[in-house]
Amino acid sequence: MPTKHIDEDTWKAIEKEMVKAVVATQKPIKDTFVLKKLIEIGLKNVTEKDYKEWGK
């Protein structure tokens, strides 16, 4: 599986989401699953306007 560097602040945010998911489901969830779902949601919601903003 391809991997890319994720900065520490972003990874901490992902870990917080993982804790929320575990508390909500009351079941263990792998961090890679949470990361995949967060990416999928982001991809569905990103817009061309976002890309233009990033390019500034």
C-alpha atoms as a PDB file:
ATOM      1  CA  MET A   1       0.000   0.000   0.000  1.00  0.00           C
ATOM      2  CA  PRO A   2       1.410   3.430  -0.873  1.00  0.00           C
ATOM      3  CA  THR A   3       2.232   5.614   2.074  1.00  0.00           C
ATOM      4  CA  LYS A   4       2.976   9.294   2.397  1.00  0.00           C
ATOM      5  CA  HIS A   5       4.305  11.306   5.289  1.00  0.00           C
ATOM      6  CA  ILE A   6       1.593  12.726   7.518  1.00  0.00           C
ATOM      7  CA  ASP A   7       2.742  15.585   9.718  1.00  0.00           C
ATOM      8  CA  GLU A   8       2.432  15.233  13.464  1.00  0.00           C
ATOM      9  CA  ASP A   9      -0.417  17.720  13.925  1.00  0.00           C
ATOM     10  CA  THR A  10      -2.537  16.030  11.261  1.00  0.00           C
ATOM     11  CA  TRP A  11      -1.849  12.587  12.717  1.00  0.00           C
ATOM     12  CA  LYS A  12      -2.908  13.821  16.175  1.00  0.00           C
ATOM     13  CA  ALA A  13      -6.201  15.004  14.664  1.00  0.00           C
ATOM     14  CA  ILE A  14      -6.682  11.590  13.049  1.00  0.00           C
ATOM     15  CA  GLU A  15      -5.987   9.886  16.380  1.00  0.00           C
ATOM     16  CA  LYS A  16      -8.632  12.071  18.047  1.00  0.00           C
ATOM     17  CA  GLU A  17     -11.148  11.012  15.402  1.00  0.00           C
ATOM     18  CA  MET A  18     -10.167   7.394  15.975  1.00  0.00           C
ATOM     19  CA  VAL A  19     -10.874   7.746  19.703  1.00  0.00           C
ATOM     20  CA  LYS A  20     -14.273   9.283  18.891  1.00  0.00           C
ATOM     21  CA  ALA A  21     -15.044   6.368  16.581  1.00  0.00           C
ATOM     22  CA  VAL A  22     -14.076   3.771  19.194  1.00  0.00           C
ATOM     23  CA  VAL A  23     -16.133   5.505  21.892  1.00  0.00           C
ATOM     24  CA  ALA A  24     -19.138   5.825  19.568  1.00  0.00           C
ATOM     25  CA  THR A  25     -19.030   2.204  18.400  1.00  0.00           C
ATOM     26  CA  GLN A  26     -17.729   0.672  21.624  1.00  0.00           C
ATOM     27  CA  LYS A  27     -15.507  -1.509  19.413  1.00  0.00           C
ATOM     28  CA  PRO A  28     -11.843  -1.386  18.455  1.00  0.00           C
ATOM     29  CA  ILE A  29     -11.240   0.215  15.069  1.00  0.00           C
ATOM     30  CA  LYS A  30      -7.951   0.173  13.190  1.00  0.00           C
ATOM     31  CA  ASP A  31      -6.334   3.539  12.576  1.00  0.00           C
ATOM     32  CA  THR A  32      -5.897   2.673   8.904  1.00  0.00           C
ATOM     33  CA  PHE A  33      -9.658   2.142   8.566  1.00  0.00           C
ATOM     34  CA  VAL A  34     -10.406   5.523  10.147  1.00  0.00           C
ATOM     35  CA  LEU A  35      -7.810   7.201   7.937  1.00  0.00           C
ATOM     36  CA  LYS A  36      -9.298   5.576   4.820  1.00  0.00           C
ATOM     37  CA  LYS A  37     -12.815   6.703   5.725  1.00  0.00           C
ATOM     38  CA  LEU A  38     -11.657  10.262   6.484  1.00  0.00           C
ATOM     39  CA  ILE A  39      -9.934  10.392   3.095  1.00  0.00           C
ATOM     40  CA  GLU A  40     -13.025   9.024   1.321  1.00  0.00           C
ATOM     41  CA  ILE A  41     -15.248  11.634   2.985  1.00  0.00           C
ATOM     42  CA  GLY A  42     -12.784  14.383   2.132  1.00  0.00           C
ATOM     43  CA  LEU A  43     -12.603  13.300  -1.497  1.00  0.00           C
ATOM     44  CA  LYS A  44     -16.389  13.388  -1.768  1.00  0.00           C
ATOM     45  CA  ASN A  45     -16.537  16.895  -0.333  1.00  0.00           C
ATOM     46  CA  VAL A  46     -13.541  18.692  -1.843  1.00  0.00           C
ATOM     47  CA  THR A  47     -14.380  21.270  -4.507  1.00  0.00           C
ATOM     48  CA  GLU A  48     -12.579  23.160  -7.230  1.00  0.00           C
ATOM     49  CA  LYS A  49     -12.863  26.218  -4.979  1.00  0.00           C
ATOM     50  CA  ASP A  50     -10.811  24.340  -2.361  1.00  0.00           C
ATOM     51  CA  TYR A  51      -8.066  23.623  -4.898  1.00  0.00           C
ATOM     52  CA  LYS A  52      -7.920  27.274  -5.902  1.00  0.00           C
ATOM     53  CA  GLU A  53      -7.678  28.299  -2.248  1.00  0.00           C
ATOM     54  CA  TRP A  54      -4.821  25.856  -1.681  1.00  0.00           C
ATOM     55  CA  GLY A  55      -2.984  27.328  -4.660  1.00  0.00           C
ATOM     56  CA  LYS A  56      -2.806  30.775  -3.086  1.00  0.00           C
END
